[in-house]
Amino acid sequence: MIINQIYSIDSCDDVELNIKRGSKLEFRLTYDDSKEIEAIICIIPGGAEDMNSYIYIDDYLTRNYKVAVININYHCIGNRPHLGSSFYLDDIDKFILDTSLKAINLKCINVYGINSYENLNNAFIRIDQEIQKLKLNQQLHQNYKLKTHVSFLPFKNEYQNFGIMQAMDILNAIFYIKENSPFKLMRGGGIRTILFGNSYGGYLANLCAKIAPWSIDFILDNSSFVNLFGNIFRLIGFGKEIDFTRYHGTYDDT
């Protein structure tokens, strides 16, 4: 019978940044309890995905092969609105917006008083109205667009540190299942560990192997990024600090 089990365990604190972790690590284990398991496949979600994005793949693999599948909601996975994050302005965003408004002599918005999504929405509606007035009065070019920046506040107040905490979560989930295996293992031991990652998940798969190479047997990497050129800063979260007009979370620069 196919078993789906959700785990919620302690993972690790952020030793690098000296931050105490306040959230649990959640992951799903799928396996067929009638089979002797020969390998653990860990599916690592990419950006804008979570462990529920691969339910049918988990089921297919466990029905057709002698494998157990782990799917992980790693640290800061809730980084998109459909995964629980919310729009907000941090201090840098407020500085960018305030500077942009001053550049066109708009002083009707208290940028540093924007402390909720409702405030943010109302402020942008007001800004749009004021820009339209300036265009009608020929004080701004008709094609003018205000360039600013808005951030996502991740679910559970978590944060991104270019994958270190995420990779540790993935490894901790694998180690936990190996130490607390609920399924039958292949005789003779030596269970294989396979990581599959898509996009950002592919990067995390490689990072796991970098941190603990003795624990990973194979990596399946679908379109991860491997260098610091191009639009990498849009992906790792430092885009606005470098150039918010160039490195951002959209694909349309027009």
C-alpha atoms as a PDB file:
ATOM      1  CA  MET A   1       0.000   0.000   0.000  1.00  0.00           C
ATOM      2  CA  ILE A   2       1.193   3.510  -0.791  1.00  0.00           C
ATOM      3  CA  ILE A   3       1.878   5.474   2.383  1.00  0.00           C
ATOM      4  CA  ASN A   4       2.013   9.283   2.530  1.00  0.00           C
ATOM      5  CA  GLN A   5       3.302  10.632   5.813  1.00  0.00           C
ATOM      6  CA  ILE A   6       3.939  14.253   6.798  1.00  0.00           C
ATOM      7  CA  TYR A   7       6.781  14.958   9.216  1.00  0.00           C
ATOM      8  CA  SER A   8       7.386  18.114  11.240  1.00  0.00           C
ATOM      9  CA  ILE A   9      10.783  18.007  12.933  1.00  0.00           C
ATOM     10  CA  ASP A  10      13.416  20.247  14.451  1.00  0.00           C
ATOM     11  CA  SER A  11      16.085  21.149  11.914  1.00  0.00           C
ATOM     12  CA  CYS A  12      18.953  23.500  12.787  1.00  0.00           C
ATOM     13  CA  ASP A  13      19.608  27.102  13.742  1.00  0.00           C
ATOM     14  CA  ASP A  14      21.433  29.456  11.405  1.00  0.00           C
ATOM     15  CA  VAL A  15      24.954  29.208  12.807  1.00  0.00           C
ATOM     16  CA  GLU A  16      26.376  31.318   9.984  1.00  0.00           C
ATOM     17  CA  LEU A  17      24.199  34.332  10.824  1.00  0.00           C
ATOM     18  CA  ASN A  18      23.697  33.433  14.511  1.00  0.00           C
ATOM     19  CA  ILE A  19      19.892  33.345  14.161  1.00  0.00           C
ATOM     20  CA  LYS A  20      17.748  31.059  16.320  1.00  0.00           C
ATOM     21  CA  ARG A  21      15.266  29.164  14.196  1.00  0.00           C
ATOM     22  CA  GLY A  22      11.639  29.505  15.211  1.00  0.00           C
ATOM     23  CA  SER A  23       9.966  27.193  12.679  1.00  0.00           C
ATOM     24  CA  LYS A  24       9.789  23.442  12.154  1.00  0.00           C
ATOM     25  CA  LEU A  25      11.023  21.597   9.074  1.00  0.00           C
ATOM     26  CA  GLU A  26       8.111  19.989   7.243  1.00  0.00           C
ATOM     27  CA  PHE A  27       8.409  17.263   4.615  1.00  0.00           C
ATOM     28  CA  ARG A  28       6.393  14.414   3.115  1.00  0.00           C
ATOM     29  CA  LEU A  29       7.559  10.821   2.790  1.00  0.00           C
ATOM     30  CA  THR A  30       5.890   8.558   0.212  1.00  0.00           C
ATOM     31  CA  TYR A  31       6.618   4.835  -0.061  1.00  0.00           C
ATOM     32  CA  ASP A  32       5.054   1.432  -0.734  1.00  0.00           C
ATOM     33  CA  ASP A  33       5.089  -0.582   2.484  1.00  0.00           C
ATOM     34  CA  SER A  34       5.022  -3.853   0.529  1.00  0.00           C
ATOM     35  CA  LYS A  35       8.430  -3.222  -1.085  1.00  0.00           C
ATOM     36  CA  GLU A  36      12.012  -3.429   0.078  1.00  0.00           C
ATOM     37  CA  ILE A  37      13.309   0.072  -0.570  1.00  0.00           C
ATOM     38  CA  GLU A  38      16.503   0.334  -2.618  1.00  0.00           C
ATOM     39  CA  ALA A  39      16.811   4.125  -2.879  1.00  0.00           C
ATOM     40  CA  ILE A  40      15.586   7.388  -1.423  1.00  0.00           C
ATOM     41  CA  ILE A  41      14.675  10.010  -4.004  1.00  0.00           C
ATOM     42  CA  CYS A  42      14.540  13.534  -2.639  1.00  0.00           C
ATOM     43  CA  ILE A  43      12.564  15.917  -4.840  1.00  0.00           C
ATOM     44  CA  ILE A  44      13.617  19.507  -4.200  1.00  0.00           C
ATOM     45  CA  PRO A  45      11.051  22.141  -5.242  1.00  0.00           C
ATOM     46  CA  GLY A  46      12.243  25.140  -7.233  1.00  0.00           C
ATOM     47  CA  GLY A  47      11.179  28.755  -6.852  1.00  0.00           C
ATOM     48  CA  ALA A  48       7.401  29.268  -6.510  1.00  0.00           C
ATOM     49  CA  GLU A  49       6.907  25.552  -5.742  1.00  0.00           C
ATOM     50  CA  ASP A  50       6.428  23.538  -2.574  1.00  0.00           C
ATOM     51  CA  MET A  51       6.154  19.873  -1.653  1.00  0.00           C
ATOM     52  CA  ASN A  52       2.584  19.715  -2.975  1.00  0.00           C
ATOM     53  CA  SER A  53       3.784  20.516  -6.506  1.00  0.00           C
ATOM     54  CA  TYR A  54       5.005  16.953  -7.067  1.00  0.00           C
ATOM     55  CA  ILE A  55       2.334  14.769  -5.444  1.00  0.00           C
ATOM     56  CA  TYR A  56       1.625  12.799  -8.625  1.00  0.00           C
ATOM     57  CA  ILE A  57       5.321  12.260  -9.323  1.00  0.00           C
ATOM     58  CA  ASP A  58       5.819  10.983  -5.772  1.00  0.00           C
ATOM     59  CA  ASP A  59       2.963   8.539  -6.267  1.00  0.00           C
ATOM     60  CA  TYR A  60       4.176   7.382  -9.700  1.00  0.00           C
ATOM     61  CA  LEU A  61       7.719   6.721  -8.537  1.00  0.00           C
ATOM     62  CA  THR A  62       6.710   4.738  -5.476  1.00  0.00           C
ATOM     63  CA  ARG A  63       4.192   2.631  -7.423  1.00  0.00           C
ATOM     64  CA  ASN A  64       6.627   1.729 -10.183  1.00  0.00           C
ATOM     65  CA  TYR A  65       9.992   1.495  -8.434  1.00  0.00           C
ATOM     66  CA  LYS A  66      11.466   0.293  -5.169  1.00  0.00           C
ATOM     67  CA  VAL A  67      12.015   3.807  -3.889  1.00  0.00           C
ATOM     68  CA  ALA A  68      10.868   6.097  -1.112  1.00  0.00           C
ATOM     69  CA  VAL A  69      10.312   9.735  -2.048  1.00  0.00           C
ATOM     70  CA  ILE A  70      10.958  12.725   0.194  1.00  0.00           C
ATOM     71  CA  ASN A  71       9.502  16.106  -0.750  1.00  0.00           C
ATOM     72  CA  ILE A  72      10.538  19.045   1.406  1.00  0.00           C
ATOM     73  CA  ASN A  73       9.142  22.401   2.438  1.00  0.00           C
ATOM     74  CA  TYR A  74      12.605  23.756   3.143  1.00  0.00           C
ATOM     75  CA  HIS A  75      13.442  27.007   4.943  1.00  0.00           C
ATOM     76  CA  CYS A  76      11.864  30.094   3.298  1.00  0.00           C
ATOM     77  CA  ILE A  77       9.885  28.057   0.778  1.00  0.00           C
ATOM     78  CA  GLY A  78       6.921  30.380   1.398  1.00  0.00           C
ATOM     79  CA  ASN A  79       8.409  33.143  -0.746  1.00  0.00           C
ATOM     80  CA  ARG A  80       5.511  33.751  -3.155  1.00  0.00           C
ATOM     81  CA  PRO A  81       1.969  34.997  -2.446  1.00  0.00           C
ATOM     82  CA  HIS A  82       0.393  31.632  -3.346  1.00  0.00           C
ATOM     83  CA  LEU A  83       2.762  30.010  -0.838  1.00  0.00           C
ATOM     84  CA  GLY A  84       1.950  32.375   2.015  1.00  0.00           C
ATOM     85  CA  SER A  85       4.142  35.444   1.521  1.00  0.00           C
ATOM     86  CA  SER A  86       2.818  39.013   1.421  1.00  0.00           C
ATOM     87  CA  PHE A  87       3.845  42.251  -0.286  1.00  0.00           C
ATOM     88  CA  TYR A  88       5.605  44.870   1.809  1.00  0.00           C
ATOM     89  CA  LEU A  89       8.213  47.632   1.719  1.00  0.00           C
ATOM     90  CA  ASP A  90      11.408  47.138   3.675  1.00  0.00           C
ATOM     91  CA  ASP A  91      13.739  50.039   4.507  1.00  0.00           C
ATOM     92  CA  ILE A  92      15.528  49.864   1.152  1.00  0.00           C
ATOM     93  CA  ASP A  93      12.222  49.719  -0.745  1.00  0.00           C
ATOM     94  CA  LYS A  94      11.006  52.799   1.128  1.00  0.00           C
ATOM     95  CA  PHE A  95      14.206  54.658   0.335  1.00  0.00           C
ATOM     96  CA  ILE A  96      13.867  53.767  -3.369  1.00  0.00           C
ATOM     97  CA  LEU A  97      10.230  54.874  -3.509  1.00  0.00           C
ATOM     98  CA  ASP A  98      10.890  58.082  -1.560  1.00  0.00           C
ATOM     99  CA  THR A  99      13.803  58.988  -3.860  1.00  0.00           C
ATOM    100  CA  SER A 100      11.766  58.238  -6.988  1.00  0.00           C
ATOM    101  CA  LEU A 101       8.901  60.442  -5.793  1.00  0.00           C
ATOM    102  CA  LYS A 102      11.225  63.313  -4.907  1.00  0.00           C
ATOM    103  CA  ALA A 103      12.748  63.088  -8.398  1.00  0.00           C
ATOM    104  CA  ILE A 104       9.364  64.088  -9.893  1.00  0.00           C
ATOM    105  CA  ASN A 105       8.550  66.480  -7.039  1.00  0.00           C
ATOM    106  CA  LEU A 106       5.730  64.397  -5.549  1.00  0.00           C
ATOM    107  CA  LYS A 107       5.519  65.102  -1.827  1.00  0.00           C
ATOM    108  CA  CYS A 108       1.989  63.946  -1.023  1.00  0.00           C
ATOM    109  CA  ILE A 109       2.944  60.439   0.144  1.00  0.00           C
ATOM    110  CA  ASN A 110       4.468  59.603   3.531  1.00  0.00           C
ATOM    111  CA  VAL A 111       6.506  56.653   2.320  1.00  0.00           C
ATOM    112  CA  TYR A 112       7.939  55.831   5.734  1.00  0.00           C
ATOM    113  CA  GLY A 113       4.419  55.536   7.133  1.00  0.00           C
ATOM    114  CA  ILE A 114       3.555  52.603   4.850  1.00  0.00           C
ATOM    115  CA  ASN A 115       3.432  49.685   7.265  1.00  0.00           C
ATOM    116  CA  SER A 116       0.731  47.380   5.906  1.00  0.00           C
ATOM    117  CA  TYR A 117      -0.484  45.941   2.617  1.00  0.00           C
ATOM    118  CA  GLU A 118      -3.545  48.214   2.771  1.00  0.00           C
ATOM    119  CA  ASN A 119      -1.310  51.283   3.215  1.00  0.00           C
ATOM    120  CA  LEU A 120       0.835  50.105   0.319  1.00  0.00           C
ATOM    121  CA  ASN A 121      -2.116  49.554  -1.997  1.00  0.00           C
ATOM    122  CA  ASN A 122      -3.662  52.926  -1.168  1.00  0.00           C
ATOM    123  CA  ALA A 123      -0.316  54.678  -1.610  1.00  0.00           C
ATOM    124  CA  PHE A 124       0.195  53.237  -5.091  1.00  0.00           C
ATOM    125  CA  ILE A 125      -3.335  54.204  -6.122  1.00  0.00           C
ATOM    126  CA  ARG A 126      -2.661  57.766  -4.931  1.00  0.00           C
ATOM    127  CA  ILE A 127       0.733  57.868  -6.673  1.00  0.00           C
ATOM    128  CA  ASP A 128      -0.830  56.683  -9.926  1.00  0.00           C
ATOM    129  CA  GLN A 129      -3.457  59.417  -9.705  1.00  0.00           C
ATOM    130  CA  GLU A 130      -0.851  62.110  -9.048  1.00  0.00           C
ATOM    131  CA  ILE A 131       1.311  60.929 -11.956  1.00  0.00           C
ATOM    132  CA  GLN A 132      -1.700  61.105 -14.258  1.00  0.00           C
ATOM    133  CA  LYS A 133      -2.259  64.715 -13.169  1.00  0.00           C
ATOM    134  CA  LEU A 134       1.362  65.592 -13.922  1.00  0.00           C
ATOM    135  CA  LYS A 135       1.037  64.048 -17.376  1.00  0.00           C
ATOM    136  CA  LEU A 136      -2.173  65.940 -18.093  1.00  0.00           C
ATOM    137  CA  ASN A 137      -0.414  69.161 -17.090  1.00  0.00           C
ATOM    138  CA  GLN A 138       2.509  68.217 -19.345  1.00  0.00           C
ATOM    139  CA  GLN A 139       4.870  68.144 -16.388  1.00  0.00           C
ATOM    140  CA  LEU A 140       5.816  64.545 -17.157  1.00  0.00           C
ATOM    141  CA  HIS A 141       6.364  62.744 -20.442  1.00  0.00           C
ATOM    142  CA  GLN A 142       3.368  60.639 -21.461  1.00  0.00           C
ATOM    143  CA  ASN A 143       5.507  57.484 -21.487  1.00  0.00           C
ATOM    144  CA  TYR A 144       6.904  58.068 -18.004  1.00  0.00           C
ATOM    145  CA  LYS A 145       6.827  55.118 -15.605  1.00  0.00           C
ATOM    146  CA  LEU A 146       7.769  55.358 -11.947  1.00  0.00           C
ATOM    147  CA  LYS A 147      10.481  52.830 -11.129  1.00  0.00           C
ATOM    148  CA  THR A 148      10.300  51.438  -7.636  1.00  0.00           C
ATOM    149  CA  HIS A 149      10.619  48.148  -5.766  1.00  0.00           C
ATOM    150  CA  VAL A 150       8.336  45.990  -3.613  1.00  0.00           C
ATOM    151  CA  SER A 151       9.447  42.928  -1.639  1.00  0.00           C
ATOM    152  CA  PHE A 152       7.851  39.696  -0.490  1.00  0.00           C
ATOM    153  CA  LEU A 153       7.667  39.044   3.247  1.00  0.00           C
ATOM    154  CA  PRO A 154       8.173  35.264   3.457  1.00  0.00           C
ATOM    155  CA  PHE A 155       5.794  33.014   5.342  1.00  0.00           C
ATOM    156  CA  LYS A 156       6.835  32.225   8.949  1.00  0.00           C
ATOM    157  CA  ASN A 157       9.147  35.277   8.962  1.00  0.00           C
ATOM    158  CA  GLU A 158      11.849  33.168   7.321  1.00  0.00           C
ATOM    159  CA  TYR A 159      14.537  34.523   5.018  1.00  0.00           C
ATOM    160  CA  GLN A 160      16.852  33.644   2.147  1.00  0.00           C
ATOM    161  CA  ASN A 161      20.610  33.217   2.593  1.00  0.00           C
ATOM    162  CA  PHE A 162      21.417  31.800  -0.840  1.00  0.00           C
ATOM    163  CA  GLY A 163      20.441  28.260   0.058  1.00  0.00           C
ATOM    164  CA  ILE A 164      22.501  27.394   3.127  1.00  0.00           C
ATOM    165  CA  MET A 165      19.525  26.877   5.449  1.00  0.00           C
ATOM    166  CA  GLN A 166      17.561  25.224   2.639  1.00  0.00           C
ATOM    167  CA  ALA A 167      20.337  22.726   1.937  1.00  0.00           C
ATOM    168  CA  MET A 168      20.683  21.934   5.633  1.00  0.00           C
ATOM    169  CA  ASP A 169      16.938  21.239   5.804  1.00  0.00           C
ATOM    170  CA  ILE A 170      17.155  18.849   2.850  1.00  0.00           C
ATOM    171  CA  LEU A 171      20.062  16.964   4.392  1.00  0.00           C
ATOM    172  CA  ASN A 172      18.408  16.861   7.812  1.00  0.00           C
ATOM    173  CA  ALA A 173      15.235  15.364   6.306  1.00  0.00           C
ATOM    174  CA  ILE A 174      17.273  12.674   4.528  1.00  0.00           C
ATOM    175  CA  PHE A 175      19.309  11.882   7.659  1.00  0.00           C
ATOM    176  CA  TYR A 176      16.137  11.726   9.764  1.00  0.00           C
ATOM    177  CA  ILE A 177      14.480   9.166   7.486  1.00  0.00           C
ATOM    178  CA  LYS A 178      17.637   7.069   7.272  1.00  0.00           C
ATOM    179  CA  GLU A 179      17.839   7.004  11.069  1.00  0.00           C
ATOM    180  CA  ASN A 180      14.085   6.489  11.590  1.00  0.00           C
ATOM    181  CA  SER A 181      13.125   4.427   8.562  1.00  0.00           C
ATOM    182  CA  PRO A 182       9.450   3.330   8.584  1.00  0.00           C
ATOM    183  CA  PHE A 183       9.913   1.070   5.541  1.00  0.00           C
ATOM    184  CA  LYS A 184      11.737  -2.167   4.788  1.00  0.00           C
ATOM    185  CA  LEU A 185      15.268  -1.684   3.508  1.00  0.00           C
ATOM    186  CA  MET A 186      16.947  -3.734   0.808  1.00  0.00           C
ATOM    187  CA  ARG A 187      18.852  -6.656   2.292  1.00  0.00           C
ATOM    188  CA  GLY A 188      22.504  -5.861   2.808  1.00  0.00           C
ATOM    189  CA  GLY A 189      21.892  -2.148   3.351  1.00  0.00           C
ATOM    190  CA  GLY A 190      23.596   0.447   1.189  1.00  0.00           C
ATOM    191  CA  ILE A 191      20.440   2.377   0.311  1.00  0.00           C
ATOM    192  CA  ARG A 192      21.135   4.925  -2.445  1.00  0.00           C
ATOM    193  CA  THR A 193      20.266   8.611  -2.163  1.00  0.00           C
ATOM    194  CA  ILE A 194      19.191  10.502  -5.285  1.00  0.00           C
ATOM    195  CA  LEU A 195      18.469  14.237  -5.409  1.00  0.00           C
ATOM    196  CA  PHE A 196      16.271  15.744  -8.107  1.00  0.00           C
ATOM    197  CA  GLY A 197      15.997  19.517  -8.358  1.00  0.00           C
ATOM    198  CA  ASN A 198      14.322  21.834 -10.819  1.00  0.00           C
ATOM    199  CA  SER A 199      15.722  25.356 -11.360  1.00  0.00           C
ATOM    200  CA  TYR A 200      16.505  26.689  -7.860  1.00  0.00           C
ATOM    201  CA  GLY A 201      15.931  23.161  -6.598  1.00  0.00           C
ATOM    202  CA  GLY A 202      18.742  21.990  -8.884  1.00  0.00           C
ATOM    203  CA  TYR A 203      21.067  24.528  -7.318  1.00  0.00           C
ATOM    204  CA  LEU A 204      20.105  23.257  -3.854  1.00  0.00           C
ATOM    205  CA  ALA A 205      20.758  19.654  -4.927  1.00  0.00           C
ATOM    206  CA  ASN A 206      24.305  20.567  -5.930  1.00  0.00           C
ATOM    207  CA  LEU A 207      24.785  22.569  -2.733  1.00  0.00           C
ATOM    208  CA  CYS A 208      23.749  19.540  -0.658  1.00  0.00           C
ATOM    209  CA  ALA A 209      26.387  17.455  -2.426  1.00  0.00           C
ATOM    210  CA  LYS A 210      28.936  20.194  -1.779  1.00  0.00           C
ATOM    211  CA  ILE A 211      28.149  20.229   1.949  1.00  0.00           C
ATOM    212  CA  ALA A 212      27.825  16.455   2.494  1.00  0.00           C
ATOM    213  CA  PRO A 213      29.193  14.602  -0.562  1.00  0.00           C
ATOM    214  CA  TRP A 214      29.380  11.272   1.294  1.00  0.00           C
ATOM    215  CA  SER A 215      25.590  11.250   1.736  1.00  0.00           C
ATOM    216  CA  ILE A 216      24.544  11.764  -1.919  1.00  0.00           C
ATOM    217  CA  ASP A 217      24.911   9.163  -4.679  1.00  0.00           C
ATOM    218  CA  PHE A 218      23.306  10.854  -7.691  1.00  0.00           C
ATOM    219  CA  ILE A 219      22.006  14.298  -8.688  1.00  0.00           C
ATOM    220  CA  LEU A 220      19.426  15.002 -11.389  1.00  0.00           C
ATOM    221  CA  ASP A 221      19.688  18.725 -12.111  1.00  0.00           C
ATOM    222  CA  ASN A 222      17.092  20.320 -14.368  1.00  0.00           C
ATOM    223  CA  SER A 223      18.152  23.849 -15.439  1.00  0.00           C
ATOM    224  CA  SER A 224      19.796  25.159 -12.293  1.00  0.00           C
ATOM    225  CA  PHE A 225      22.019  28.233 -12.388  1.00  0.00           C
ATOM    226  CA  VAL A 226      25.749  27.773 -11.957  1.00  0.00           C
ATOM    227  CA  ASN A 227      27.424  31.182 -12.087  1.00  0.00           C
ATOM    228  CA  LEU A 228      27.102  34.765 -10.867  1.00  0.00           C
ATOM    229  CA  PHE A 229      26.507  36.385 -14.243  1.00  0.00           C
ATOM    230  CA  GLY A 230      23.399  37.421 -16.133  1.00  0.00           C
ATOM    231  CA  ASN A 231      20.325  37.798 -13.932  1.00  0.00           C
ATOM    232  CA  ILE A 232      21.599  35.793 -10.982  1.00  0.00           C
ATOM    233  CA  PHE A 233      21.091  38.693  -8.556  1.00  0.00           C
ATOM    234  CA  ARG A 234      17.392  38.675  -9.383  1.00  0.00           C
ATOM    235  CA  LEU A 235      17.319  35.077  -8.129  1.00  0.00           C
ATOM    236  CA  ILE A 236      19.412  35.288  -4.981  1.00  0.00           C
ATOM    237  CA  GLY A 237      17.738  38.369  -3.561  1.00  0.00           C
ATOM    238  CA  PHE A 238      20.341  41.138  -3.723  1.00  0.00           C
ATOM    239  CA  GLY A 239      19.027  42.746  -6.899  1.00  0.00           C
ATOM    240  CA  LYS A 240      17.697  45.937  -5.385  1.00  0.00           C
ATOM    241  CA  GLU A 241      20.896  46.541  -3.423  1.00  0.00           C
ATOM    242  CA  ILE A 242      22.917  46.384  -6.662  1.00  0.00           C
ATOM    243  CA  ASP A 243      20.511  47.901  -9.218  1.00  0.00           C
ATOM    244  CA  PHE A 244      16.771  47.598  -8.612  1.00  0.00           C
ATOM    245  CA  THR A 245      16.000  48.746 -12.172  1.00  0.00           C
ATOM    246  CA  ARG A 246      17.961  45.830 -13.629  1.00  0.00           C
ATOM    247  CA  TYR A 247      17.794  42.916 -11.193  1.00  0.00           C
ATOM    248  CA  HIS A 248      14.221  42.310 -10.150  1.00  0.00           C
ATOM    249  CA  GLY A 249      11.599  39.597  -9.941  1.00  0.00           C
ATOM    250  CA  THR A 250       9.911  40.181 -13.289  1.00  0.00           C
ATOM    251  CA  TYR A 251      10.925  39.362 -16.824  1.00  0.00           C
ATOM    252  CA  ASP A 252       9.580  42.471 -18.542  1.00  0.00           C
ATOM    253  CA  ASP A 253      11.855  45.503 -18.413  1.00  0.00           C
ATOM    254  CA  THR A 254       9.640  47.699 -20.607  1.00  0.00           C
END
